[in-house]
């Protein structure tokens, strides 16, 4: 799974980091820790975001990467 698909990732919380591919997770124990939104990882707290949100995030991420 990727954090980009998770309900807990907060892309709008830190635009400067998000533009670089990192965002804070609402479920992370330590504040100020950013997760890669593209790296595959396993997470016991993963909760899939709604399909329409994932679709918008993927479109945004594709545009960001170009």
N, C-alpha and C. Protein backbone atom coordinates (compact mmCIF):
# COMPACT_ATOMS: atom_id res chain seq x y z
N UNK A 1 0.82 -1.17 0.00
CA UNK A 1 0.00 0.00 0.00
C UNK A 1 0.88 1.24 0.00
N UNK A 2 0.29 2.33 -0.41
CA UNK A 2 1.00 3.59 -0.43
C UNK A 2 0.24 4.59 0.45
N UNK A 3 0.98 5.46 1.10
CA UNK A 3 0.34 6.46 1.95
C UNK A 3 -0.60 7.37 1.16
N UNK A 4 -0.35 7.54 -0.12
CA UNK A 4 -1.21 8.38 -0.96
C UNK A 4 -2.65 7.87 -0.95
N UNK A 5 -2.83 6.58 -0.74
CA UNK A 5 -4.16 5.97 -0.73
C UNK A 5 -4.80 5.92 0.65
N UNK A 6 -4.12 6.42 1.66
CA UNK A 6 -4.59 6.30 3.04
C UNK A 6 -5.40 7.51 3.50
N UNK A 7 -6.41 7.22 4.26
CA UNK A 7 -7.28 8.26 4.83
C UNK A 7 -6.52 9.16 5.80
N UNK A 8 -5.49 8.66 6.45
CA UNK A 8 -4.81 9.39 7.52
C UNK A 8 -3.76 10.38 7.02
N UNK A 9 -3.35 10.29 5.76
CA UNK A 9 -2.32 11.20 5.27
C UNK A 9 -2.96 12.57 5.01
N UNK A 10 -2.27 13.62 5.38
CA UNK A 10 -2.81 14.97 5.30
C UNK A 10 -2.00 15.80 4.29
N UNK A 11 -2.39 15.74 3.03
CA UNK A 11 -1.63 16.40 1.97
C UNK A 11 -1.66 17.93 2.07
N UNK A 12 -2.72 18.50 2.58
CA UNK A 12 -2.83 19.95 2.62
C UNK A 12 -2.20 20.56 3.88
N UNK A 13 -1.75 19.74 4.79
CA UNK A 13 -1.21 20.25 6.06
C UNK A 13 0.14 20.95 5.88
N UNK A 14 0.92 20.54 4.92
CA UNK A 14 2.25 21.12 4.72
C UNK A 14 2.58 21.14 3.23
N UNK A 15 2.09 22.14 2.51
CA UNK A 15 2.25 22.19 1.05
C UNK A 15 3.70 22.10 0.57
N UNK A 16 4.62 22.69 1.30
CA UNK A 16 6.03 22.67 0.88
C UNK A 16 6.59 21.25 0.88
N UNK A 17 6.30 20.49 1.93
CA UNK A 17 6.76 19.10 2.00
C UNK A 17 6.00 18.23 1.00
N UNK A 18 4.71 18.47 0.88
CA UNK A 18 3.89 17.66 -0.01
C UNK A 18 4.35 17.82 -1.46
N UNK A 19 4.76 19.01 -1.83
CA UNK A 19 5.27 19.24 -3.19
C UNK A 19 6.51 18.40 -3.47
N UNK A 20 7.22 18.02 -2.41
CA UNK A 20 8.41 17.17 -2.54
C UNK A 20 8.09 15.69 -2.39
N UNK A 21 6.82 15.36 -2.14
CA UNK A 21 6.43 13.95 -2.04
C UNK A 21 6.32 13.42 -0.62
N UNK A 22 6.21 14.30 0.36
CA UNK A 22 6.10 13.88 1.76
C UNK A 22 4.92 14.58 2.42
N UNK A 23 4.28 13.90 3.35
CA UNK A 23 3.14 14.49 4.05
C UNK A 23 3.04 13.89 5.45
N UNK A 24 2.46 14.64 6.40
CA UNK A 24 2.28 14.11 7.75
C UNK A 24 1.12 13.12 7.81
N UNK A 25 1.25 12.16 8.69
CA UNK A 25 0.20 11.16 8.92
C UNK A 25 -0.47 11.48 10.25
N UNK A 26 -1.77 11.57 10.25
CA UNK A 26 -2.53 11.87 11.47
C UNK A 26 -2.38 10.77 12.52
N UNK A 27 -2.01 9.58 12.12
CA UNK A 27 -1.89 8.46 13.06
C UNK A 27 -0.47 8.22 13.54
N UNK A 28 0.49 8.99 13.06
CA UNK A 28 1.88 8.77 13.48
C UNK A 28 2.06 9.25 14.91
N UNK A 29 2.82 8.52 15.69
CA UNK A 29 3.02 8.80 17.10
C UNK A 29 3.76 10.13 17.32
N UNK A 30 4.78 10.39 16.53
CA UNK A 30 5.59 11.59 16.70
C UNK A 30 5.12 12.71 15.78
N UNK A 31 4.89 13.90 16.31
CA UNK A 31 4.51 15.02 15.45
C UNK A 31 5.71 15.48 14.62
N UNK A 32 5.45 16.02 13.47
CA UNK A 32 6.53 16.53 12.62
C UNK A 32 7.24 15.47 11.80
N UNK A 33 6.75 14.25 11.81
CA UNK A 33 7.33 13.18 11.01
C UNK A 33 6.54 13.09 9.71
N UNK A 34 7.25 13.11 8.60
CA UNK A 34 6.60 13.07 7.30
C UNK A 34 6.84 11.72 6.63
N UNK A 35 5.82 11.22 5.98
CA UNK A 35 5.89 9.94 5.28
C UNK A 35 5.97 10.18 3.78
N UNK A 36 6.68 9.32 3.08
CA UNK A 36 6.70 9.38 1.63
C UNK A 36 5.33 8.98 1.12
N UNK A 37 4.76 9.76 0.23
CA UNK A 37 3.42 9.45 -0.27
C UNK A 37 3.45 8.41 -1.38
N UNK A 38 4.63 8.11 -1.93
CA UNK A 38 4.73 7.17 -3.06
C UNK A 38 5.34 5.83 -2.71
N UNK A 39 6.10 5.76 -1.65
CA UNK A 39 6.81 4.51 -1.31
C UNK A 39 5.83 3.45 -0.82
N UNK A 40 6.00 2.24 -1.31
CA UNK A 40 5.20 1.12 -0.80
C UNK A 40 5.67 0.80 0.62
N UNK A 41 4.72 0.61 1.51
CA UNK A 41 5.05 0.30 2.90
C UNK A 41 3.91 -0.49 3.52
N UNK A 42 4.16 -1.12 4.63
CA UNK A 42 3.08 -1.77 5.37
C UNK A 42 2.82 -0.93 6.62
N UNK A 43 1.56 -0.78 6.97
CA UNK A 43 1.18 0.04 8.10
C UNK A 43 -0.06 -0.58 8.75
N UNK A 44 0.02 -0.80 10.03
CA UNK A 44 -1.10 -1.43 10.73
C UNK A 44 -2.29 -0.47 10.87
N UNK A 45 -2.07 0.82 10.65
CA UNK A 45 -3.13 1.80 10.80
C UNK A 45 -3.70 2.27 9.45
N UNK A 46 -3.28 1.61 8.37
CA UNK A 46 -3.75 1.99 7.04
C UNK A 46 -5.27 1.87 6.95
N UNK A 47 -5.87 2.90 6.43
CA UNK A 47 -7.32 2.92 6.20
C UNK A 47 -7.54 3.58 4.84
N UNK A 48 -8.03 2.82 3.89
CA UNK A 48 -8.17 3.32 2.53
C UNK A 48 -9.10 4.54 2.49
N UNK A 49 -8.64 5.57 1.79
CA UNK A 49 -9.46 6.77 1.59
C UNK A 49 -10.57 6.45 0.58
N UNK A 50 -11.61 7.26 0.54
CA UNK A 50 -12.67 7.04 -0.46
C UNK A 50 -12.11 7.08 -1.88
N UNK A 51 -12.72 6.33 -2.76
CA UNK A 51 -12.23 6.19 -4.14
C UNK A 51 -12.10 7.53 -4.85
N UNK A 52 -13.05 8.44 -4.65
CA UNK A 52 -12.97 9.73 -5.33
C UNK A 52 -11.79 10.56 -4.82
N UNK A 53 -11.46 10.43 -3.55
CA UNK A 53 -10.31 11.14 -2.99
C UNK A 53 -9.02 10.57 -3.57
N UNK A 54 -8.93 9.25 -3.64
CA UNK A 54 -7.74 8.61 -4.19
C UNK A 54 -7.55 9.02 -5.65
N UNK A 55 -8.62 9.07 -6.39
CA UNK A 55 -8.54 9.45 -7.80
C UNK A 55 -8.00 10.88 -7.94
N UNK A 56 -8.48 11.80 -7.13
CA UNK A 56 -7.99 13.19 -7.17
C UNK A 56 -6.53 13.27 -6.76
N UNK A 57 -6.16 12.51 -5.74
CA UNK A 57 -4.76 12.50 -5.29
C UNK A 57 -3.84 11.96 -6.36
N UNK A 58 -4.25 10.88 -7.03
CA UNK A 58 -3.41 10.30 -8.08
C UNK A 58 -3.24 11.27 -9.25
N UNK A 59 -4.32 11.97 -9.62
CA UNK A 59 -4.23 12.96 -10.70
C UNK A 59 -3.29 14.09 -10.29
N UNK A 60 -3.43 14.57 -9.06
CA UNK A 60 -2.55 15.63 -8.55
C UNK A 60 -1.09 15.16 -8.53
N UNK A 61 -0.86 13.93 -8.06
CA UNK A 61 0.50 13.41 -7.96
C UNK A 61 1.13 13.22 -9.33
N UNK A 62 0.34 12.81 -10.28
CA UNK A 62 0.85 12.66 -11.64
C UNK A 62 1.27 14.01 -12.19
N UNK A 63 0.45 15.03 -11.96
CA UNK A 63 0.78 16.38 -12.42
C UNK A 63 2.01 16.93 -11.68
N UNK A 64 2.10 16.63 -10.40
CA UNK A 64 3.24 17.07 -9.59
C UNK A 64 4.55 16.50 -10.10
N UNK A 65 4.50 15.25 -10.54
CA UNK A 65 5.71 14.55 -10.99
C UNK A 65 6.19 14.96 -12.36
N UNK A 66 5.38 15.68 -13.11
CA UNK A 66 5.80 16.04 -14.47
C UNK A 66 6.58 17.31 -14.53
